[in-house]
Amino acid sequence: MGQQLLHKHKEEEKQVAVKEVVKEDIVKDDQQDFQSKYPRLAASMAGMSTMYPNGTSFLKEKMSLIATDKAKVLEEKWKKLEDDEAALMVKRLDLIAEHYRLVVDAMRGN
């Protein structure tokens, strides 16, 4: 009788452990799926790690909790920011090119 109770208890512990592992895997899959649906939102965490070292892991872990409609809005905002940054980079490169031209012209005596 004691052996049966011990065996039953161990089986119940195994079932609980398996359920927790499966639940954890599902959450990880949900996070990965969420991150693949919203790559800019996921990538936004990379730049934050220097400013908020503890906050980024929290945000990455909990990111899939955001409602789909709100995640779509955030994704679009990150896309717009990327576009704005790209345009700014082009302006910066144009300014650098102008600066180089002026220096080279001055060196040539123009």
C-alpha atoms as a PDB file:
ATOM      1  CA  MET A   1       0.000   0.000   0.000  1.00  0.00           C
ATOM      2  CA  GLY A   2       2.796   2.434   0.928  1.00  0.00           C
ATOM      3  CA  GLN A   3       4.664   1.630  -2.295  1.00  0.00           C
ATOM      4  CA  GLN A   4       1.542   2.312  -4.331  1.00  0.00           C
ATOM      5  CA  LEU A   5       1.014   5.705  -2.665  1.00  0.00           C
ATOM      6  CA  LEU A   6       4.669   6.622  -3.180  1.00  0.00           C
ATOM      7  CA  HIS A   7       4.485   5.540  -6.828  1.00  0.00           C
ATOM      8  CA  LYS A   8       1.227   7.479  -7.338  1.00  0.00           C
ATOM      9  CA  HIS A   9       2.759  10.584  -5.724  1.00  0.00           C
ATOM     10  CA  LYS A  10       5.831  10.366  -7.970  1.00  0.00           C
ATOM     11  CA  GLU A  11       3.635   9.957 -11.051  1.00  0.00           C
ATOM     12  CA  GLU A  12       1.626  13.038 -10.058  1.00  0.00           C
ATOM     13  CA  GLU A  13       4.859  15.015  -9.581  1.00  0.00           C
ATOM     14  CA  LYS A  14       6.047  13.925 -13.031  1.00  0.00           C
ATOM     15  CA  GLN A  15       2.739  14.989 -14.585  1.00  0.00           C
ATOM     16  CA  VAL A  16       2.971  18.407 -12.939  1.00  0.00           C
ATOM     17  CA  ALA A  17       6.593  18.782 -14.084  1.00  0.00           C
ATOM     18  CA  VAL A  18       5.686  17.769 -17.643  1.00  0.00           C
ATOM     19  CA  LYS A  19       2.779  20.218 -17.685  1.00  0.00           C
ATOM     20  CA  GLU A  20       5.087  23.029 -16.531  1.00  0.00           C
ATOM     21  CA  VAL A  21       7.674  22.211 -19.201  1.00  0.00           C
ATOM     22  CA  VAL A  22       5.003  22.047 -21.900  1.00  0.00           C
ATOM     23  CA  LYS A  23       3.495  25.315 -20.666  1.00  0.00           C
ATOM     24  CA  GLU A  24       6.930  26.950 -20.696  1.00  0.00           C
ATOM     25  CA  ASP A  25       7.585  25.672 -24.240  1.00  0.00           C
ATOM     26  CA  ILE A  26       4.218  27.002 -25.394  1.00  0.00           C
ATOM     27  CA  VAL A  27       5.008  30.419 -23.888  1.00  0.00           C
ATOM     28  CA  LYS A  28       8.430  30.405 -25.587  1.00  0.00           C
ATOM     29  CA  ASP A  29       6.828  29.422 -28.897  1.00  0.00           C
ATOM     30  CA  ASP A  30       4.223  32.165 -28.459  1.00  0.00           C
ATOM     31  CA  GLN A  31       7.025  34.682 -27.816  1.00  0.00           C
ATOM     32  CA  GLN A  32       8.978  33.514 -30.866  1.00  0.00           C
ATOM     33  CA  ASP A  33       5.839  33.544 -33.000  1.00  0.00           C
ATOM     34  CA  PHE A  34       4.989  37.016 -31.734  1.00  0.00           C
ATOM     35  CA  GLN A  35       8.523  38.222 -32.422  1.00  0.00           C
ATOM     36  CA  SER A  36       8.421  36.818 -35.960  1.00  0.00           C
ATOM     37  CA  LYS A  37       5.115  38.592 -36.600  1.00  0.00           C
ATOM     38  CA  TYR A  38       6.497  41.898 -35.302  1.00  0.00           C
ATOM     39  CA  PRO A  39      10.235  41.944 -36.094  1.00  0.00           C
ATOM     40  CA  ARG A  40      10.692  45.685 -35.594  1.00  0.00           C
ATOM     41  CA  LEU A  41       9.019  45.525 -32.224  1.00  0.00           C
ATOM     42  CA  ALA A  42      11.346  42.673 -31.256  1.00  0.00           C
ATOM     43  CA  ALA A  43      14.400  44.493 -32.630  1.00  0.00           C
ATOM     44  CA  SER A  44      13.484  47.644 -30.716  1.00  0.00           C
ATOM     45  CA  MET A  45      14.782  45.943 -27.578  1.00  0.00           C
ATOM     46  CA  ALA A  46      18.344  45.777 -28.904  1.00  0.00           C
ATOM     47  CA  GLY A  47      18.970  49.494 -28.606  1.00  0.00           C
ATOM     48  CA  MET A  48      17.396  49.694 -25.192  1.00  0.00           C
ATOM     49  CA  SER A  49      19.765  47.261 -23.485  1.00  0.00           C
ATOM     50  CA  THR A  50      22.325  49.974 -22.780  1.00  0.00           C
ATOM     51  CA  MET A  51      19.735  52.372 -21.388  1.00  0.00           C
ATOM     52  CA  TYR A  52      17.652  49.858 -19.466  1.00  0.00           C
ATOM     53  CA  PRO A  53      19.721  46.696 -18.870  1.00  0.00           C
ATOM     54  CA  ASN A  54      17.098  44.978 -16.710  1.00  0.00           C
ATOM     55  CA  GLY A  55      14.095  46.296 -18.594  1.00  0.00           C
ATOM     56  CA  THR A  56      14.866  44.720 -21.947  1.00  0.00           C
ATOM     57  CA  SER A  57      14.704  41.121 -20.774  1.00  0.00           C
ATOM     58  CA  PHE A  58      11.427  41.912 -19.030  1.00  0.00           C
ATOM     59  CA  LEU A  59      10.015  43.481 -22.188  1.00  0.00           C
ATOM     60  CA  LYS A  60      11.211  40.630 -24.409  1.00  0.00           C
ATOM     61  CA  GLU A  61       9.752  38.012 -22.106  1.00  0.00           C
ATOM     62  CA  LYS A  62       6.411  39.779 -21.807  1.00  0.00           C
ATOM     63  CA  MET A  63       6.155  41.206 -25.314  1.00  0.00           C
ATOM     64  CA  SER A  64       3.705  38.554 -26.497  1.00  0.00           C
ATOM     65  CA  LEU A  65       1.212  39.738 -23.885  1.00  0.00           C
ATOM     66  CA  ILE A  66       0.513  42.864 -25.945  1.00  0.00           C
ATOM     67  CA  ALA A  67      -2.813  42.753 -27.756  1.00  0.00           C
ATOM     68  CA  THR A  68      -2.470  42.123 -31.485  1.00  0.00           C
ATOM     69  CA  ASP A  69      -4.030  45.442 -32.534  1.00  0.00           C
ATOM     70  CA  LYS A  70      -1.698  47.388 -30.250  1.00  0.00           C
ATOM     71  CA  ALA A  71       1.302  45.344 -31.382  1.00  0.00           C
ATOM     72  CA  LYS A  72       0.476  46.204 -35.001  1.00  0.00           C
ATOM     73  CA  VAL A  73       0.385  49.920 -34.127  1.00  0.00           C
ATOM     74  CA  LEU A  74       3.731  49.660 -32.323  1.00  0.00           C
ATOM     75  CA  GLU A  75       5.228  47.721 -35.232  1.00  0.00           C
ATOM     76  CA  GLU A  76       4.160  50.481 -37.630  1.00  0.00           C
ATOM     77  CA  LYS A  77       5.625  53.144 -35.330  1.00  0.00           C
ATOM     78  CA  TRP A  78       8.956  51.276 -35.259  1.00  0.00           C
ATOM     79  CA  LYS A  79       8.826  50.973 -39.065  1.00  0.00           C
ATOM     80  CA  LYS A  80       8.268  54.726 -39.398  1.00  0.00           C
ATOM     81  CA  LEU A  81      11.147  55.392 -37.016  1.00  0.00           C
ATOM     82  CA  GLU A  82      13.407  53.117 -39.101  1.00  0.00           C
ATOM     83  CA  ASP A  83      12.380  55.007 -42.241  1.00  0.00           C
ATOM     84  CA  ASP A  84      13.042  58.359 -40.540  1.00  0.00           C
ATOM     85  CA  GLU A  85      16.440  57.129 -39.313  1.00  0.00           C
ATOM     86  CA  ALA A  86      17.332  55.960 -42.841  1.00  0.00           C
ATOM     87  CA  ALA A  87      16.398  59.365 -44.267  1.00  0.00           C
ATOM     88  CA  LEU A  88      18.458  61.038 -41.556  1.00  0.00           C
ATOM     89  CA  MET A  89      21.409  58.770 -42.386  1.00  0.00           C
ATOM     90  CA  VAL A  90      21.199  59.847 -46.033  1.00  0.00           C
ATOM     91  CA  LYS A  91      21.228  63.503 -44.945  1.00  0.00           C
ATOM     92  CA  ARG A  92      24.206  62.795 -42.670  1.00  0.00           C
ATOM     93  CA  LEU A  93      26.089  61.091 -45.511  1.00  0.00           C
ATOM     94  CA  ASP A  94      25.316  64.001 -47.845  1.00  0.00           C
ATOM     95  CA  LEU A  95      26.692  66.419 -45.246  1.00  0.00           C
ATOM     96  CA  ILE A  96      29.824  64.291 -44.796  1.00  0.00           C
ATOM     97  CA  ALA A  97      30.311  64.195 -48.581  1.00  0.00           C
ATOM     98  CA  GLU A  98      29.928  67.980 -48.774  1.00  0.00           C
ATOM     99  CA  HIS A  99      32.410  68.391 -45.922  1.00  0.00           C
ATOM    100  CA  TYR A 100      34.938  66.136 -47.707  1.00  0.00           C
ATOM    101  CA  ARG A 101      34.470  68.049 -50.982  1.00  0.00           C
ATOM    102  CA  LEU A 102      35.135  71.349 -49.242  1.00  0.00           C
ATOM    103  CA  VAL A 103      38.267  69.995 -47.547  1.00  0.00           C
ATOM    104  CA  VAL A 104      39.591  68.439 -50.761  1.00  0.00           C
ATOM    105  CA  ASP A 105      38.837  71.634 -52.736  1.00  0.00           C
ATOM    106  CA  ALA A 106      40.639  73.695 -50.074  1.00  0.00           C
ATOM    107  CA  MET A 107      43.633  71.343 -50.196  1.00  0.00           C
ATOM    108  CA  ARG A 108      43.750  71.763 -54.009  1.00  0.00           C
ATOM    109  CA  GLY A 109      43.576  75.514 -53.630  1.00  0.00           C
ATOM    110  CA  ASN A 110      40.131  75.878 -55.215  1.00  0.00           C
END
